[in-house]
Amino acid sequence: MNVPYITIFSTMTVDGRIASYVGYSKLSCKYDLLRLHRLRAESDAVMVGAGTVIADNPSLRLKYFNGKDPDRIIVDGLLRSSVNSRVYTENPQKTVVMTTGLAPEAAIGALMARGVRVVVAGTGPQIDMKVLAGRLWEMGYRKVMVEGGGRLNWSLISSGMVDEVRITVSPYIFGAGRSIFDGEGFRTTLDGPALKLKSSQICECGNEIHAIYSVNH
């Protein structure tokens, strides 16, 4: 099956949290934001989950790097995110919503009326990530960047759909909150994917470490 090259980009605390227990997630320095937006510019599309849209209401446009805004892929199995979210009101024709057969017809109709593309990728309530990846390939996407959500990150990595993981470790500790990969978990190291370190560097700020791993399927 043909699928896009999928890269996860996340910035986490030393204890592996991408958000605190109250949802605070501002962990990146200015150099990390530049890395993030450079990868956006190099990608055909950027993917986030419903939780990110609901919590942050992002535009997912380029801000810290010059280039062409990527398309936006929203993974929302029950269409919980508001139709008034920025990803649906700002250039809606550049947004694709991946949902399931359990999504409310009224919400589907409202998004389509805005010009948003709605694609069903599973019967529900969970989206089939392999079906999702195949549909994205059929739509012409070859390089997709994921800015999860721990749940989206987990769904993709546990489905074997991730090719590369880019992680920035920020010098903070939350002790609780959202994990970078948030799911039922692997029992042992043998059950999960094998990652190979491709590169690592100390950030220009001097306090963060950025590492790139390839994922062996």
C-alpha atoms as a PDB file:
ATOM      1  CA  MET A   1       0.000   0.000   0.000  1.00  0.00           C
ATOM      2  CA  ASN A   2       1.310   3.444  -0.901  1.00  0.00           C
ATOM      3  CA  VAL A   3       1.327   5.885   2.006  1.00  0.00           C
ATOM      4  CA  PRO A   4       2.968   9.279   2.648  1.00  0.00           C
ATOM      5  CA  TYR A   5       6.238   9.753   4.521  1.00  0.00           C
ATOM      6  CA  ILE A   6       5.005  10.710   7.984  1.00  0.00           C
ATOM      7  CA  THR A   7       7.099  12.640  10.504  1.00  0.00           C
ATOM      8  CA  ILE A   8       6.118  13.390  14.094  1.00  0.00           C
ATOM      9  CA  PHE A   9       7.509  16.625  15.531  1.00  0.00           C
ATOM     10  CA  SER A  10       7.046  17.179  19.273  1.00  0.00           C
ATOM     11  CA  THR A  11       8.612  19.278  21.992  1.00  0.00           C
ATOM     12  CA  MET A  12       8.481  17.671  25.404  1.00  0.00           C
ATOM     13  CA  THR A  13       9.685  18.123  28.964  1.00  0.00           C
ATOM     14  CA  VAL A  14      12.485  16.030  30.440  1.00  0.00           C
ATOM     15  CA  ASP A  15       9.813  13.672  31.787  1.00  0.00           C
ATOM     16  CA  GLY A  16       8.186  13.210  28.382  1.00  0.00           C
ATOM     17  CA  ARG A  17       5.197  15.553  28.699  1.00  0.00           C
ATOM     18  CA  ILE A  18       3.964  17.749  25.868  1.00  0.00           C
ATOM     19  CA  ALA A  19       1.423  19.505  28.098  1.00  0.00           C
ATOM     20  CA  SER A  20       0.900  19.891  31.844  1.00  0.00           C
ATOM     21  CA  TYR A  21      -2.139  18.590  33.718  1.00  0.00           C
ATOM     22  CA  VAL A  22      -3.842  21.981  33.139  1.00  0.00           C
ATOM     23  CA  GLY A  23      -3.036  21.922  29.414  1.00  0.00           C
ATOM     24  CA  TYR A  24      -0.072  24.320  29.422  1.00  0.00           C
ATOM     25  CA  SER A  25       2.174  23.456  26.478  1.00  0.00           C
ATOM     26  CA  LYS A  26       4.446  26.420  25.707  1.00  0.00           C
ATOM     27  CA  LEU A  27       7.802  24.640  25.761  1.00  0.00           C
ATOM     28  CA  SER A  28       9.639  25.795  22.620  1.00  0.00           C
ATOM     29  CA  CYS A  29      12.328  28.441  22.371  1.00  0.00           C
ATOM     30  CA  LYS A  30      12.451  30.654  19.285  1.00  0.00           C
ATOM     31  CA  TYR A  31      14.908  28.315  17.560  1.00  0.00           C
ATOM     32  CA  ASP A  32      12.654  25.325  18.120  1.00  0.00           C
ATOM     33  CA  LEU A  33       9.735  27.262  16.639  1.00  0.00           C
ATOM     34  CA  LEU A  34      11.904  27.986  13.610  1.00  0.00           C
ATOM     35  CA  ARG A  35      12.656  24.247  13.232  1.00  0.00           C
ATOM     36  CA  LEU A  36       8.950  23.488  13.523  1.00  0.00           C
ATOM     37  CA  HIS A  37       7.904  25.983  10.871  1.00  0.00           C
ATOM     38  CA  ARG A  38      10.740  25.005   8.539  1.00  0.00           C
ATOM     39  CA  LEU A  39       9.457  21.431   8.596  1.00  0.00           C
ATOM     40  CA  ARG A  40       5.924  22.714   7.966  1.00  0.00           C
ATOM     41  CA  ALA A  41       7.211  24.528   4.892  1.00  0.00           C
ATOM     42  CA  GLU A  42       8.898  21.340   3.654  1.00  0.00           C
ATOM     43  CA  SER A  43       5.724  19.269   4.059  1.00  0.00           C
ATOM     44  CA  ASP A  44       2.671  18.854   1.866  1.00  0.00           C
ATOM     45  CA  ALA A  45       0.424  18.923   4.916  1.00  0.00           C
ATOM     46  CA  VAL A  46       0.478  19.250   8.695  1.00  0.00           C
ATOM     47  CA  MET A  47      -1.710  16.928  10.770  1.00  0.00           C
ATOM     48  CA  VAL A  48      -3.234  17.465  14.210  1.00  0.00           C
ATOM     49  CA  GLY A  49      -5.967  15.820  16.242  1.00  0.00           C
ATOM     50  CA  ALA A  50      -9.273  17.179  17.455  1.00  0.00           C
ATOM     51  CA  GLY A  51      -7.851  17.742  20.941  1.00  0.00           C
ATOM     52  CA  THR A  52      -5.235  20.161  19.603  1.00  0.00           C
ATOM     53  CA  VAL A  53      -7.835  22.103  17.622  1.00  0.00           C
ATOM     54  CA  ILE A  54     -10.127  22.322  20.655  1.00  0.00           C
ATOM     55  CA  ALA A  55      -7.388  23.267  23.144  1.00  0.00           C
ATOM     56  CA  ASP A  56      -5.232  25.608  21.050  1.00  0.00           C
ATOM     57  CA  ASN A  57      -7.382  26.724  18.082  1.00  0.00           C
ATOM     58  CA  PRO A  58      -4.248  26.901  15.867  1.00  0.00           C
ATOM     59  CA  SER A  59      -4.106  28.208  12.308  1.00  0.00           C
ATOM     60  CA  LEU A  60      -1.205  25.851  11.395  1.00  0.00           C
ATOM     61  CA  ARG A  61       0.119  28.471   8.993  1.00  0.00           C
ATOM     62  CA  LEU A  62       3.753  29.531   8.601  1.00  0.00           C
ATOM     63  CA  LYS A  63       4.859  32.304  10.934  1.00  0.00           C
ATOM     64  CA  TYR A  64       8.561  31.887  11.707  1.00  0.00           C
ATOM     65  CA  PHE A  65       9.714  30.672   8.284  1.00  0.00           C
ATOM     66  CA  ASN A  66       9.002  31.927   4.769  1.00  0.00           C
ATOM     67  CA  GLY A  67       7.369  29.519   2.377  1.00  0.00           C
ATOM     68  CA  LYS A  68       4.072  28.077   1.233  1.00  0.00           C
ATOM     69  CA  ASP A  69       1.526  27.198   3.882  1.00  0.00           C
ATOM     70  CA  PRO A  70       0.956  23.429   3.962  1.00  0.00           C
ATOM     71  CA  ASP A  71      -2.506  21.937   3.793  1.00  0.00           C
ATOM     72  CA  ARG A  72      -4.062  21.019   7.136  1.00  0.00           C
ATOM     73  CA  ILE A  73      -5.290  17.550   8.078  1.00  0.00           C
ATOM     74  CA  ILE A  74      -7.552  17.352  11.108  1.00  0.00           C
ATOM     75  CA  VAL A  75      -8.102  13.902  12.620  1.00  0.00           C
ATOM     76  CA  ASP A  76     -11.499  14.060  14.308  1.00  0.00           C
ATOM     77  CA  GLY A  77     -13.412  10.783  14.432  1.00  0.00           C
ATOM     78  CA  LEU A  78     -16.594  12.267  15.919  1.00  0.00           C
ATOM     79  CA  LEU A  79     -16.202  15.856  14.634  1.00  0.00           C
ATOM     80  CA  ARG A  80     -15.896  17.253  18.147  1.00  0.00           C
ATOM     81  CA  SER A  81     -14.003  20.369  17.044  1.00  0.00           C
ATOM     82  CA  SER A  82     -15.999  23.542  16.449  1.00  0.00           C
ATOM     83  CA  VAL A  83     -16.861  24.489  12.871  1.00  0.00           C
ATOM     84  CA  ASN A  84     -15.752  27.996  13.873  1.00  0.00           C
ATOM     85  CA  SER A  85     -12.163  26.871  14.548  1.00  0.00           C
ATOM     86  CA  ARG A  86      -9.485  28.774  12.639  1.00  0.00           C
ATOM     87  CA  VAL A  87      -8.525  25.716  10.570  1.00  0.00           C
ATOM     88  CA  TYR A  88     -12.088  25.766   9.177  1.00  0.00           C
ATOM     89  CA  THR A  89     -12.555  29.513   8.751  1.00  0.00           C
ATOM     90  CA  GLU A  90      -9.133  30.634   7.455  1.00  0.00           C
ATOM     91  CA  ASN A  91      -8.588  29.282   3.928  1.00  0.00           C
ATOM     92  CA  PRO A  92     -10.923  26.314   4.545  1.00  0.00           C
ATOM     93  CA  GLN A  93     -10.175  24.891   1.098  1.00  0.00           C
ATOM     94  CA  LYS A  94      -6.717  23.966   2.450  1.00  0.00           C
ATOM     95  CA  THR A  95      -8.209  21.816   5.223  1.00  0.00           C
ATOM     96  CA  VAL A  96      -9.035  18.105   5.122  1.00  0.00           C
ATOM     97  CA  VAL A  97     -10.967  16.489   7.965  1.00  0.00           C
ATOM     98  CA  MET A  98     -10.475  12.769   8.467  1.00  0.00           C
ATOM     99  CA  THR A  99     -13.458  11.361  10.342  1.00  0.00           C
ATOM    100  CA  THR A 100     -15.576   8.224  10.750  1.00  0.00           C
ATOM    101  CA  GLY A 101     -19.027   6.952   9.905  1.00  0.00           C
ATOM    102  CA  LEU A 102     -20.216   8.050  13.360  1.00  0.00           C
ATOM    103  CA  ALA A 103     -19.662  11.747  12.659  1.00  0.00           C
ATOM    104  CA  PRO A 104     -22.874  13.827  12.822  1.00  0.00           C
ATOM    105  CA  GLU A 105     -24.255  14.533   9.363  1.00  0.00           C
ATOM    106  CA  ALA A 106     -25.027  18.127  10.356  1.00  0.00           C
ATOM    107  CA  ALA A 107     -21.375  18.750  11.230  1.00  0.00           C
ATOM    108  CA  ILE A 108     -20.216  17.164   7.986  1.00  0.00           C
ATOM    109  CA  GLY A 109     -22.617  19.357   6.028  1.00  0.00           C
ATOM    110  CA  ALA A 110     -21.506  22.518   7.835  1.00  0.00           C
ATOM    111  CA  LEU A 111     -17.841  21.842   7.104  1.00  0.00           C
ATOM    112  CA  MET A 112     -18.445  20.966   3.463  1.00  0.00           C
ATOM    113  CA  ALA A 113     -20.489  24.149   3.054  1.00  0.00           C
ATOM    114  CA  ARG A 114     -17.392  26.058   4.147  1.00  0.00           C
ATOM    115  CA  GLY A 115     -15.283  24.320   1.510  1.00  0.00           C
ATOM    116  CA  VAL A 116     -13.562  21.894   3.883  1.00  0.00           C
ATOM    117  CA  ARG A 117     -12.897  18.423   2.451  1.00  0.00           C
ATOM    118  CA  VAL A 118     -14.354  15.667   4.634  1.00  0.00           C
ATOM    119  CA  VAL A 119     -13.017  12.115   4.274  1.00  0.00           C
ATOM    120  CA  VAL A 120     -14.381   9.054   6.084  1.00  0.00           C
ATOM    121  CA  ALA A 121     -11.563   6.749   7.234  1.00  0.00           C
ATOM    122  CA  GLY A 122     -13.216   4.123   9.400  1.00  0.00           C
ATOM    123  CA  THR A 123     -16.561   3.083  10.801  1.00  0.00           C
ATOM    124  CA  GLY A 124     -15.816   4.660  14.185  1.00  0.00           C
ATOM    125  CA  PRO A 125     -15.357   5.808  16.775  1.00  0.00           C
ATOM    126  CA  GLN A 126     -11.612   5.427  16.114  1.00  0.00           C
ATOM    127  CA  ILE A 127     -10.067   6.269  12.770  1.00  0.00           C
ATOM    128  CA  ASP A 128      -8.160   3.488  11.023  1.00  0.00           C
ATOM    129  CA  MET A 129      -4.712   5.027  10.579  1.00  0.00           C
ATOM    130  CA  LYS A 130      -3.761   2.704   7.752  1.00  0.00           C
ATOM    131  CA  VAL A 131      -6.893   3.704   5.848  1.00  0.00           C
ATOM    132  CA  LEU A 132      -6.156   7.344   6.654  1.00  0.00           C
ATOM    133  CA  ALA A 133      -2.612   7.109   5.304  1.00  0.00           C
ATOM    134  CA  GLY A 134      -3.803   5.405   2.135  1.00  0.00           C
ATOM    135  CA  ARG A 135      -6.432   8.073   1.530  1.00  0.00           C
ATOM    136  CA  LEU A 136      -3.870  10.827   2.009  1.00  0.00           C
ATOM    137  CA  TRP A 137      -1.641   9.228  -0.623  1.00  0.00           C
ATOM    138  CA  GLU A 138      -4.587   9.004  -3.025  1.00  0.00           C
ATOM    139  CA  MET A 139      -5.206  12.722  -2.452  1.00  0.00           C
ATOM    140  CA  GLY A 140      -1.651  13.530  -3.514  1.00  0.00           C
ATOM    141  CA  TYR A 141       0.069  13.997  -0.156  1.00  0.00           C
ATOM    142  CA  ARG A 142       3.585  12.586  -0.105  1.00  0.00           C
ATOM    143  CA  LYS A 143       5.127  14.205   2.980  1.00  0.00           C
ATOM    144  CA  VAL A 144       3.040  14.767   6.088  1.00  0.00           C
ATOM    145  CA  MET A 145       4.147  16.385   9.332  1.00  0.00           C
ATOM    146  CA  VAL A 146       2.317  15.473  12.543  1.00  0.00           C
ATOM    147  CA  GLU A 147       2.029  17.941  15.405  1.00  0.00           C
ATOM    148  CA  GLY A 148       0.129  15.624  17.772  1.00  0.00           C
ATOM    149  CA  GLY A 149      -1.599  15.307  20.424  1.00  0.00           C
ATOM    150  CA  GLY A 150      -0.306  12.377  22.385  1.00  0.00           C
ATOM    151  CA  ARG A 151      -3.282  10.274  21.352  1.00  0.00           C
ATOM    152  CA  LEU A 152      -2.767  10.981  17.661  1.00  0.00           C
ATOM    153  CA  ASN A 153       0.962  10.288  18.021  1.00  0.00           C
ATOM    154  CA  TRP A 154       0.190   6.963  19.702  1.00  0.00           C
ATOM    155  CA  SER A 155      -2.415   5.950  17.118  1.00  0.00           C
ATOM    156  CA  LEU A 156       0.042   6.545  14.304  1.00  0.00           C
ATOM    157  CA  ILE A 157       3.116   4.948  15.888  1.00  0.00           C
ATOM    158  CA  SER A 158       1.196   1.883  17.110  1.00  0.00           C
ATOM    159  CA  SER A 159      -0.283   1.429  13.632  1.00  0.00           C
ATOM    160  CA  GLY A 160       3.165   1.431  12.034  1.00  0.00           C
ATOM    161  CA  MET A 161       2.477   4.565  10.019  1.00  0.00           C
ATOM    162  CA  VAL A 162       5.364   6.750  11.250  1.00  0.00           C
ATOM    163  CA  ASP A 163       8.659   7.011   9.359  1.00  0.00           C
ATOM    164  CA  GLU A 164      10.480   9.611  11.439  1.00  0.00           C
ATOM    165  CA  VAL A 165      10.260  11.133  14.924  1.00  0.00           C
ATOM    166  CA  ARG A 166      11.759  14.528  15.704  1.00  0.00           C
ATOM    167  CA  ILE A 167      11.852  15.371  19.400  1.00  0.00           C
ATOM    168  CA  THR A 168      12.999  18.494  21.207  1.00  0.00           C
ATOM    169  CA  VAL A 169      13.654  18.022  24.917  1.00  0.00           C
ATOM    170  CA  SER A 170      12.925  21.230  26.809  1.00  0.00           C
ATOM    171  CA  PRO A 171      14.510  21.819  30.261  1.00  0.00           C
ATOM    172  CA  TYR A 172      11.322  21.534  32.301  1.00  0.00           C
ATOM    173  CA  ILE A 173       9.474  18.921  34.347  1.00  0.00           C
ATOM    174  CA  PHE A 174       5.677  18.676  34.686  1.00  0.00           C
ATOM    175  CA  GLY A 175       5.356  15.458  36.683  1.00  0.00           C
ATOM    176  CA  ALA A 176       1.890  14.868  35.203  1.00  0.00           C
ATOM    177  CA  GLY A 177      -0.002  15.757  32.062  1.00  0.00           C
ATOM    178  CA  ARG A 178      -0.125  14.623  28.465  1.00  0.00           C
ATOM    179  CA  SER A 179       2.544  12.193  27.287  1.00  0.00           C
ATOM    180  CA  ILE A 180       4.146  12.521  23.872  1.00  0.00           C
ATOM    181  CA  PHE A 181       2.720   9.056  23.103  1.00  0.00           C
ATOM    182  CA  ASP A 182      -0.514   8.548  25.013  1.00  0.00           C
ATOM    183  CA  GLY A 183      -2.229   5.186  24.565  1.00  0.00           C
ATOM    184  CA  GLU A 184      -2.592   1.721  25.994  1.00  0.00           C
ATOM    185  CA  GLY A 185       1.165   1.215  25.719  1.00  0.00           C
ATOM    186  CA  PHE A 186       3.555  -1.495  24.577  1.00  0.00           C
ATOM    187  CA  ARG A 187       4.299  -4.350  27.000  1.00  0.00           C
ATOM    188  CA  THR A 188       8.044  -4.509  26.292  1.00  0.00           C
ATOM    189  CA  THR A 189      10.656  -2.932  24.057  1.00  0.00           C
ATOM    190  CA  LEU A 190      10.157  -5.844  21.659  1.00  0.00           C
ATOM    191  CA  ASP A 191       6.513  -4.922  21.042  1.00  0.00           C
ATOM    192  CA  GLY A 192       7.120  -1.371  19.903  1.00  0.00           C
ATOM    193  CA  PRO A 193       8.859   0.022  16.817  1.00  0.00           C
ATOM    194  CA  ALA A 194      12.640   0.125  16.558  1.00  0.00           C
ATOM    195  CA  LEU A 195      13.981   3.671  16.432  1.00  0.00           C
ATOM    196  CA  LYS A 196      17.422   4.593  15.143  1.00  0.00           C
ATOM    197  CA  LEU A 197      19.069   7.866  16.089  1.00  0.00           C
ATOM    198  CA  LYS A 198      19.940   9.820  12.928  1.00  0.00           C
ATOM    199  CA  SER A 199      21.193  13.037  14.516  1.00  0.00           C
ATOM    200  CA  SER A 200      21.128  15.104  17.697  1.00  0.00           C
ATOM    201  CA  GLN A 201      22.205  18.588  18.595  1.00  0.00           C
ATOM    202  CA  ILE A 202      22.159  21.090  21.411  1.00  0.00           C
ATOM    203  CA  CYS A 203      19.812  23.889  20.443  1.00  0.00           C
ATOM    204  CA  GLU A 204      21.178  27.359  19.767  1.00  0.00           C
ATOM    205  CA  CYS A 205      19.469  28.498  22.978  1.00  0.00           C
ATOM    206  CA  GLY A 206      21.806  26.190  24.910  1.00  0.00           C
ATOM    207  CA  ASN A 207      19.039  24.595  26.979  1.00  0.00           C
ATOM    208  CA  GLU A 208      17.214  22.261  24.594  1.00  0.00           C
ATOM    209  CA  ILE A 209      18.243  19.103  22.744  1.00  0.00           C
ATOM    210  CA  HIS A 210      16.813  18.208  19.343  1.00  0.00           C
ATOM    211  CA  ALA A 211      17.002  14.611  18.106  1.00  0.00           C
ATOM    212  CA  ILE A 212      15.851  12.924  14.905  1.00  0.00           C
ATOM    213  CA  TYR A 213      15.008   9.208  14.825  1.00  0.00           C
ATOM    214  CA  SER A 214      14.106   6.991  11.909  1.00  0.00           C
ATOM    215  CA  VAL A 215      11.467   4.336  12.549  1.00  0.00           C
ATOM    216  CA  ASN A 216      12.033   0.790  11.318  1.00  0.00           C
ATOM    217  CA  HIS A 217       8.770  -0.937  10.474  1.00  0.00           C
END
